[in-house]
Amino acid sequence: MIREVRKQRLSSEEAKKPRASIKLPRRVLRTRKERPEFRRQESWRYVRLEDSWRRPRGKDSKTRLQVSGWPPLVKVGYRSPRNYRSLHPSGFKEVLVCSEKELIGLNPTIHAVRISGRVGRKNKLKIYEAAKSAGLRVLNPPRGVT
């Protein structure tokens, strides 16, 4: 009895939300979580080096030699399948939006909207309302809405 009520409740809530045309398999979501954060060699040691990945090329580089205890090397095996690359975990393609004009031509079954951080509160609300009226999912709705 309780399960049936929950199913009915979820189905009515899901009817309001736009559904993605692609559903990400669990194995893809799991591999995304398990993929290490590739760090530039010795970036934790020197302030002047940023964390962004650079391939180690040194003759005696421990990272290049893949010594255990050192950060992993970037390899092709960490890559995700082409169909699921650059998709949000919900299955939508993320689109960064700065104005209402950019919402034109977006498909609610494929695209999800992320409102840019550079936009002020008043324009965020306008973009949010326009996206909702177009049936698009907003990944970062403005505060106070929802």
N, C-alpha and C. Protein backbone atom coordinates (compact mmCIF):
# COMPACT_ATOMS: atom_id res chain seq x y z
N MET A 1 0.83 -1.20 0.00
CA MET A 1 0.00 0.00 0.00
C MET A 1 0.87 1.26 0.00
N ILE A 2 1.88 1.29 0.89
CA ILE A 2 2.75 2.47 0.99
C ILE A 2 3.54 2.63 -0.31
N ARG A 3 4.02 1.52 -0.88
CA ARG A 3 4.78 1.60 -2.11
C ARG A 3 3.94 2.19 -3.24
N GLU A 4 2.67 1.80 -3.30
CA GLU A 4 1.80 2.32 -4.36
C GLU A 4 1.62 3.83 -4.22
N VAL A 5 1.45 4.31 -2.99
CA VAL A 5 1.28 5.74 -2.75
C VAL A 5 2.55 6.48 -3.15
N ARG A 6 3.71 5.91 -2.80
CA ARG A 6 4.98 6.55 -3.18
C ARG A 6 5.13 6.60 -4.68
N LYS A 7 4.78 5.52 -5.37
CA LYS A 7 4.88 5.49 -6.81
C LYS A 7 3.98 6.56 -7.43
N GLN A 8 2.75 6.70 -6.91
CA GLN A 8 1.84 7.71 -7.43
C GLN A 8 2.39 9.10 -7.20
N ARG A 9 2.94 9.34 -6.01
CA ARG A 9 3.49 10.64 -5.68
C ARG A 9 4.67 10.97 -6.59
N LEU A 10 5.57 10.00 -6.79
CA LEU A 10 6.71 10.23 -7.65
C LEU A 10 6.29 10.45 -9.09
N SER A 11 5.33 9.68 -9.54
CA SER A 11 4.92 9.83 -10.93
C SER A 11 4.31 11.20 -11.20
N SER A 12 3.57 11.75 -10.24
CA SER A 12 3.00 13.08 -10.44
C SER A 12 4.08 14.15 -10.42
N GLU A 13 5.13 13.98 -9.58
CA GLU A 13 6.23 14.93 -9.53
C GLU A 13 7.07 14.83 -10.79
N GLU A 14 7.30 13.60 -11.25
CA GLU A 14 8.11 13.41 -12.45
C GLU A 14 7.41 13.94 -13.69
N ALA A 15 6.10 13.95 -13.67
CA ALA A 15 5.35 14.45 -14.83
C ALA A 15 5.62 15.94 -15.04
N LYS A 16 5.88 16.66 -13.96
CA LYS A 16 6.15 18.09 -14.06
C LYS A 16 7.55 18.36 -14.60
N LYS A 17 8.54 17.51 -14.20
CA LYS A 17 9.92 17.72 -14.61
C LYS A 17 10.14 17.20 -16.03
N PRO A 18 10.96 17.91 -16.81
CA PRO A 18 11.30 17.38 -18.13
C PRO A 18 12.22 16.17 -17.97
N ARG A 19 12.02 15.16 -18.83
CA ARG A 19 12.81 13.94 -18.77
C ARG A 19 13.87 13.95 -19.86
N ALA A 20 15.04 13.45 -19.53
CA ALA A 20 16.14 13.41 -20.48
C ALA A 20 15.92 12.29 -21.49
N SER A 21 16.39 12.50 -22.71
CA SER A 21 16.25 11.48 -23.73
C SER A 21 17.28 10.37 -23.53
N ILE A 22 18.39 10.67 -22.84
CA ILE A 22 19.44 9.68 -22.58
C ILE A 22 19.51 9.44 -21.08
N LYS A 23 19.56 8.18 -20.70
CA LYS A 23 19.73 7.83 -19.28
C LYS A 23 21.14 7.29 -19.11
N LEU A 24 21.89 7.90 -18.21
CA LEU A 24 23.27 7.46 -17.98
C LEU A 24 23.28 6.13 -17.24
N PRO A 25 24.02 5.15 -17.75
CA PRO A 25 24.13 3.88 -17.03
C PRO A 25 24.87 4.05 -15.71
N ARG A 26 24.59 3.18 -14.78
CA ARG A 26 25.23 3.26 -13.46
C ARG A 26 26.74 3.10 -13.56
N ARG A 27 27.19 2.28 -14.49
CA ARG A 27 28.64 2.05 -14.61
C ARG A 27 29.36 3.33 -15.02
N VAL A 28 28.71 4.17 -15.84
CA VAL A 28 29.31 5.43 -16.25
C VAL A 28 29.39 6.38 -15.06
N LEU A 29 28.30 6.45 -14.29
CA LEU A 29 28.30 7.31 -13.10
C LEU A 29 29.34 6.84 -12.09
N ARG A 30 29.47 5.52 -11.94
CA ARG A 30 30.45 4.97 -11.00
C ARG A 30 31.87 5.29 -11.45
N THR A 31 32.16 5.12 -12.75
CA THR A 31 33.52 5.41 -13.23
C THR A 31 33.85 6.89 -13.12
N ARG A 32 32.84 7.75 -13.26
CA ARG A 32 33.09 9.19 -13.08
C ARG A 32 33.53 9.47 -11.65
N LYS A 33 32.88 8.81 -10.69
CA LYS A 33 33.24 9.02 -9.29
C LYS A 33 34.61 8.44 -8.97
N GLU A 34 34.92 7.30 -9.58
CA GLU A 34 36.18 6.62 -9.28
C GLU A 34 37.37 7.22 -10.02
N ARG A 35 37.13 7.99 -11.09
CA ARG A 35 38.23 8.58 -11.84
C ARG A 35 39.00 9.54 -10.95
N PRO A 36 40.31 9.40 -10.88
CA PRO A 36 41.09 10.28 -9.99
C PRO A 36 41.17 11.70 -10.54
N GLU A 37 41.45 12.62 -9.65
CA GLU A 37 41.71 14.00 -10.07
C GLU A 37 43.18 14.06 -10.47
N PHE A 38 43.43 14.25 -11.74
CA PHE A 38 44.81 14.26 -12.22
C PHE A 38 45.44 15.60 -11.86
N ARG A 39 46.55 15.52 -11.13
CA ARG A 39 47.22 16.74 -10.67
C ARG A 39 48.59 16.84 -11.30
N ARG A 40 49.02 18.05 -11.52
CA ARG A 40 50.35 18.29 -12.05
C ARG A 40 51.38 17.84 -11.01
N GLN A 41 52.43 17.20 -11.51
CA GLN A 41 53.47 16.68 -10.64
C GLN A 41 54.10 17.80 -9.81
N GLU A 42 54.24 17.55 -8.51
CA GLU A 42 54.86 18.49 -7.56
C GLU A 42 54.07 19.78 -7.37
N SER A 43 52.82 19.84 -7.86
CA SER A 43 52.04 21.07 -7.70
C SER A 43 51.67 21.31 -6.25
N TRP A 44 51.62 20.24 -5.46
CA TRP A 44 51.33 20.38 -4.04
C TRP A 44 52.53 20.90 -3.26
N ARG A 45 53.67 20.86 -3.91
CA ARG A 45 54.92 21.22 -3.24
C ARG A 45 55.29 22.68 -3.45
N TYR A 46 54.99 23.20 -4.64
CA TYR A 46 55.38 24.56 -5.00
C TYR A 46 54.13 25.42 -5.24
N VAL A 47 54.12 26.59 -4.64
CA VAL A 47 52.97 27.49 -4.76
C VAL A 47 52.84 28.01 -6.19
N ARG A 48 53.97 28.19 -6.87
CA ARG A 48 53.95 28.77 -8.21
C ARG A 48 53.35 27.84 -9.27
N LEU A 49 53.22 26.55 -8.97
CA LEU A 49 52.65 25.58 -9.92
C LEU A 49 51.17 25.39 -9.64
N GLU A 50 50.36 25.49 -10.69
CA GLU A 50 48.92 25.25 -10.53
C GLU A 50 48.63 23.76 -10.60
N ASP A 51 47.44 23.37 -10.17
CA ASP A 51 47.06 21.95 -10.15
C ASP A 51 46.76 21.40 -11.54
N SER A 52 46.55 22.27 -12.53
CA SER A 52 46.11 21.80 -13.84
C SER A 52 47.13 20.84 -14.45
N TRP A 53 46.64 19.80 -15.09
CA TRP A 53 47.45 18.69 -15.57
C TRP A 53 48.46 19.11 -16.63
N ARG A 54 49.70 18.68 -16.45
CA ARG A 54 50.76 18.78 -17.45
C ARG A 54 51.44 17.42 -17.49
N ARG A 55 51.74 16.93 -18.68
CA ARG A 55 52.36 15.62 -18.79
C ARG A 55 53.79 15.67 -18.25
N PRO A 56 54.15 14.73 -17.34
CA PRO A 56 55.52 14.71 -16.82
C PRO A 56 56.49 14.17 -17.87
N ARG A 57 57.60 14.88 -18.08
CA ARG A 57 58.55 14.49 -19.12
C ARG A 57 59.96 14.26 -18.58
N GLY A 58 60.14 14.38 -17.28
CA GLY A 58 61.47 14.25 -16.71
C GLY A 58 62.04 12.85 -16.81
N LYS A 59 63.35 12.77 -16.86
CA LYS A 59 64.03 11.48 -17.01
C LYS A 59 63.76 10.55 -15.83
N ASP A 60 63.77 11.10 -14.63
CA ASP A 60 63.57 10.29 -13.43
C ASP A 60 62.24 10.57 -12.74
N SER A 61 61.29 11.09 -13.50
CA SER A 61 60.01 11.47 -12.93
C SER A 61 59.25 10.27 -12.38
N LYS A 62 58.88 10.34 -11.10
CA LYS A 62 58.15 9.23 -10.46
C LYS A 62 56.74 9.09 -11.03
N THR A 63 56.13 10.22 -11.37
CA THR A 63 54.79 10.16 -11.95
C THR A 63 54.84 9.50 -13.32
N ARG A 64 55.84 9.88 -14.14
CA ARG A 64 55.96 9.30 -15.48
C ARG A 64 56.25 7.81 -15.41
N LEU A 65 57.04 7.40 -14.43
CA LEU A 65 57.37 5.99 -14.26
C LEU A 65 56.26 5.20 -13.56
N GLN A 66 55.21 5.89 -13.13
CA GLN A 66 54.04 5.29 -12.49
C GLN A 66 54.39 4.53 -11.22
N VAL A 67 55.22 5.17 -10.39
CA VAL A 67 55.61 4.60 -9.10
C VAL A 67 54.40 4.70 -8.18
N SER A 68 54.14 3.64 -7.41
CA SER A 68 52.99 3.66 -6.51
C SER A 68 53.19 4.70 -5.43
N GLY A 69 52.11 5.36 -5.04
CA GLY A 69 52.19 6.43 -4.05
C GLY A 69 52.26 7.80 -4.71
N TRP A 70 52.50 7.83 -6.00
CA TRP A 70 52.52 9.10 -6.74
C TRP A 70 51.23 9.22 -7.53
N PRO A 71 50.84 10.43 -7.93
CA PRO A 71 49.57 10.60 -8.65
C PRO A 71 49.54 9.78 -9.94
N PRO A 72 48.35 9.31 -10.33
CA PRO A 72 48.26 8.50 -11.55
C PRO A 72 48.47 9.34 -12.80
N LEU A 73 48.90 8.65 -13.86
CA LEU A 73 49.15 9.26 -15.15
C LEU A 73 47.85 9.24 -15.96
N VAL A 74 47.61 10.27 -16.74
CA VAL A 74 46.42 10.30 -17.59
C VAL A 74 46.58 9.24 -18.68
N LYS A 75 45.55 8.41 -18.84
CA LYS A 75 45.58 7.37 -19.88
C LYS A 75 44.23 7.32 -20.57
N VAL A 76 44.21 6.71 -21.75
CA VAL A 76 42.99 6.63 -22.54
C VAL A 76 41.94 5.77 -21.85
N GLY A 77 42.35 4.85 -21.02
CA GLY A 77 41.41 3.95 -20.35
C GLY A 77 40.48 4.64 -19.36
N TYR A 78 40.82 5.85 -18.93
CA TYR A 78 39.97 6.60 -18.01
C TYR A 78 38.81 7.29 -18.74
N ARG A 79 38.85 7.30 -20.07
CA ARG A 79 37.85 8.04 -20.84
C ARG A 79 36.49 7.36 -20.78
N SER A 80 35.44 8.16 -20.81
CA SER A 80 34.09 7.61 -20.78
C SER A 80 33.59 7.39 -22.20
N PRO A 81 32.56 6.57 -22.40
CA PRO A 81 32.03 6.34 -23.74
C PRO A 81 31.56 7.64 -24.40
N ARG A 82 31.72 7.72 -25.69
CA ARG A 82 31.44 8.96 -26.43
C ARG A 82 30.01 9.45 -26.26
N ASN A 83 29.06 8.52 -26.20
CA ASN A 83 27.65 8.92 -26.07
C ASN A 83 27.36 9.65 -24.77
N TYR A 84 28.15 9.38 -23.73
CA TYR A 84 27.85 9.92 -22.40
C TYR A 84 28.80 11.04 -21.98
N ARG A 85 29.74 11.40 -22.85
CA ARG A 85 30.68 12.47 -22.51
C ARG A 85 29.97 13.81 -22.47
N SER A 86 30.37 14.65 -21.58
CA SER A 86 29.86 16.02 -21.41
C SER A 86 28.36 16.06 -21.12
N LEU A 87 27.83 15.00 -20.52
CA LEU A 87 26.43 15.01 -20.10
C LEU A 87 26.35 15.21 -18.59
N HIS A 88 25.32 15.92 -18.17
CA HIS A 88 25.04 16.09 -16.75
C HIS A 88 24.58 14.73 -16.22
N PRO A 89 24.79 14.41 -14.93
CA PRO A 89 24.33 13.13 -14.40
C PRO A 89 22.85 12.85 -14.61
N SER A 90 22.05 13.89 -14.81
CA SER A 90 20.63 13.69 -15.08
C SER A 90 20.37 13.21 -16.50
N GLY A 91 21.38 13.29 -17.39
CA GLY A 91 21.23 12.83 -18.76
C GLY A 91 21.05 13.96 -19.77
N PHE A 92 20.97 15.19 -19.30
CA PHE A 92 20.81 16.34 -20.19
C PHE A 92 22.17 16.91 -20.59
N LYS A 93 22.20 17.61 -21.73
CA LYS A 93 23.38 18.37 -22.11
C LYS A 93 23.29 19.72 -21.44
N GLU A 94 24.35 20.12 -20.77
CA GLU A 94 24.34 21.42 -20.07
C GLU A 94 24.57 22.54 -21.06
N VAL A 95 23.79 23.61 -20.90
CA VAL A 95 23.97 24.81 -21.72
C VAL A 95 24.08 25.99 -20.77
N LEU A 96 25.20 26.71 -20.87
CA LEU A 96 25.40 27.90 -20.04
C LEU A 96 24.70 29.08 -20.69
N VAL A 97 23.82 29.73 -19.93
CA VAL A 97 22.98 30.79 -20.47
C VAL A 97 23.25 32.10 -19.74
N CYS A 98 23.42 33.16 -20.53
CA CYS A 98 23.65 34.49 -19.96
C CYS A 98 22.47 35.43 -20.19
N SER A 99 21.60 35.10 -21.16
CA SER A 99 20.45 35.96 -21.45
C SER A 99 19.28 35.11 -21.92
N GLU A 100 18.12 35.73 -21.96
CA GLU A 100 16.90 35.02 -22.38
C GLU A 100 16.97 34.60 -23.85
N LYS A 101 17.69 35.37 -24.66
CA LYS A 101 17.79 35.07 -26.09
C LYS A 101 18.43 33.71 -26.34
N GLU A 102 19.33 33.31 -25.45
CA GLU A 102 20.06 32.04 -25.64
C GLU A 102 19.18 30.82 -25.38
N LEU A 103 17.98 31.02 -24.83
CA LEU A 103 17.07 29.90 -24.59
C LEU A 103 16.35 29.47 -25.87
N ILE A 104 16.36 30.35 -26.87
CA ILE A 104 15.65 30.05 -28.11
C ILE A 104 16.37 28.91 -28.83
N GLY A 105 15.60 27.93 -29.25
CA GLY A 105 16.17 26.81 -30.00
C GLY A 105 16.63 25.65 -29.16
N LEU A 106 16.46 25.73 -27.83
CA LEU A 106 16.86 24.61 -26.97
C LEU A 106 15.73 23.61 -26.86
N ASN A 107 16.07 22.34 -26.88
CA ASN A 107 15.10 21.26 -26.82
C ASN A 107 14.96 20.77 -25.38
N PRO A 108 13.77 20.79 -24.79
CA PRO A 108 13.60 20.39 -23.38
C PRO A 108 13.94 18.92 -23.10
N THR A 109 13.92 18.06 -24.12
CA THR A 109 14.26 16.65 -23.88
C THR A 109 15.76 16.39 -23.96
N ILE A 110 16.52 17.36 -24.49
CA ILE A 110 17.97 17.17 -24.65
C ILE A 110 18.77 18.10 -23.75
N HIS A 111 18.36 19.36 -23.65
CA HIS A 111 19.16 20.39 -22.98
C HIS A 111 18.64 20.72 -21.58
N ALA A 112 19.60 21.04 -20.70
CA ALA A 112 19.30 21.60 -19.38
C ALA A 112 20.07 22.91 -19.27
N VAL A 113 19.49 23.87 -18.60
CA VAL A 113 20.05 25.22 -18.54
C VAL A 113 20.80 25.42 -17.23
N ARG A 114 21.98 26.01 -17.34
CA ARG A 114 22.72 26.48 -16.17
C ARG A 114 22.90 27.98 -16.35
N ILE A 115 22.35 28.76 -15.42
CA ILE A 115 22.41 30.22 -15.51
C ILE A 115 23.79 30.68 -15.06
N SER A 116 24.40 31.55 -15.85
CA SER A 116 25.75 32.03 -15.58
C SER A 116 25.81 32.79 -14.26
N GLY A 117 26.93 32.69 -13.58
CA GLY A 117 27.14 33.38 -12.32
C GLY A 117 27.34 34.88 -12.49
N ARG A 118 27.64 35.28 -13.71
CA ARG A 118 27.86 36.71 -13.97
C ARG A 118 26.56 37.49 -14.08
N VAL A 119 25.44 36.78 -14.16
CA VAL A 119 24.14 37.43 -14.32
C VAL A 119 23.63 37.87 -12.96
N GLY A 120 23.04 39.05 -12.90
CA GLY A 120 22.48 39.56 -11.65
C GLY A 120 21.17 38.88 -11.28
N ARG A 121 20.71 39.12 -10.06
CA ARG A 121 19.52 38.44 -9.55
C ARG A 121 18.27 38.71 -10.39
N LYS A 122 18.07 39.96 -10.79
CA LYS A 122 16.87 40.31 -11.54
C LYS A 122 16.82 39.55 -12.87
N ASN A 123 17.95 39.52 -13.58
CA ASN A 123 18.00 38.81 -14.86
C ASN A 123 17.96 37.29 -14.66
N LYS A 124 18.51 36.81 -13.55
CA LYS A 124 18.43 35.37 -13.27
C LYS A 124 16.97 34.94 -13.14
N LEU A 125 16.19 35.76 -12.45
CA LEU A 125 14.77 35.44 -12.29
C LEU A 125 14.04 35.46 -13.63
N LYS A 126 14.38 36.43 -14.50
CA LYS A 126 13.76 36.49 -15.83
C LYS A 126 14.12 35.25 -16.64
N ILE A 127 15.40 34.88 -16.62
CA ILE A 127 15.85 33.70 -17.37
C ILE A 127 15.18 32.45 -16.83
N TYR A 128 15.08 32.37 -15.50
CA TYR A 128 14.46 31.20 -14.87
C TYR A 128 13.00 31.05 -15.29
N GLU A 129 12.25 32.16 -15.26
CA GLU A 129 10.85 32.12 -15.66
C GLU A 129 10.69 31.74 -17.13
N ALA A 130 11.56 32.30 -17.97
CA ALA A 130 11.50 31.98 -19.41
C ALA A 130 11.82 30.51 -19.66
N ALA A 131 12.78 29.98 -18.92
CA ALA A 131 13.17 28.58 -19.08
C ALA A 131 12.04 27.66 -18.61
N LYS A 132 11.43 28.00 -17.49
CA LYS A 132 10.32 27.19 -16.98
C LYS A 132 9.14 27.20 -17.95
N SER A 133 8.85 28.37 -18.52
CA SER A 133 7.74 28.44 -19.46
C SER A 133 8.04 27.66 -20.74
N ALA A 134 9.34 27.53 -21.09
CA ALA A 134 9.73 26.75 -22.27
C ALA A 134 9.83 25.26 -21.96
N GLY A 135 9.69 24.90 -20.67
CA GLY A 135 9.74 23.50 -20.28
C GLY A 135 11.16 22.98 -20.08
N LEU A 136 12.13 23.88 -19.92
CA LEU A 136 13.52 23.48 -19.72
C LEU A 136 13.83 23.28 -18.25
N ARG A 137 14.74 22.37 -17.96
CA ARG A 137 15.17 22.16 -16.59
C ARG A 137 16.30 23.14 -16.27
N VAL A 138 16.22 23.80 -15.12
CA VAL A 138 17.25 24.73 -14.68
C VAL A 138 18.05 24.04 -13.59
N LEU A 139 19.36 23.88 -13.83
CA LEU A 139 20.22 23.14 -12.92
C LEU A 139 20.59 23.93 -11.67
N ASN A 140 20.62 25.25 -11.79
CA ASN A 140 20.93 26.10 -10.63
C ASN A 140 19.92 27.23 -10.52
N PRO A 141 18.71 26.90 -10.03
CA PRO A 141 17.69 27.94 -9.90
C PRO A 141 18.13 29.01 -8.90
N PRO A 142 17.67 30.25 -9.10
CA PRO A 142 18.05 31.32 -8.17
C PRO A 142 17.49 31.05 -6.76
N ARG A 143 18.14 31.65 -5.79
CA ARG A 143 17.69 31.47 -4.39
C ARG A 143 16.29 31.99 -4.21
N GLY A 144 15.56 31.33 -3.33
CA GLY A 144 14.21 31.78 -3.02
C GLY A 144 13.16 31.23 -3.96
N VAL A 145 13.59 30.60 -5.05
CA VAL A 145 12.64 30.01 -6.01
C VAL A 145 12.72 28.50 -5.84
N THR A 146 11.65 27.81 -6.06
CA THR A 146 11.49 26.33 -6.00
C THR A 146 10.64 25.90 -4.85
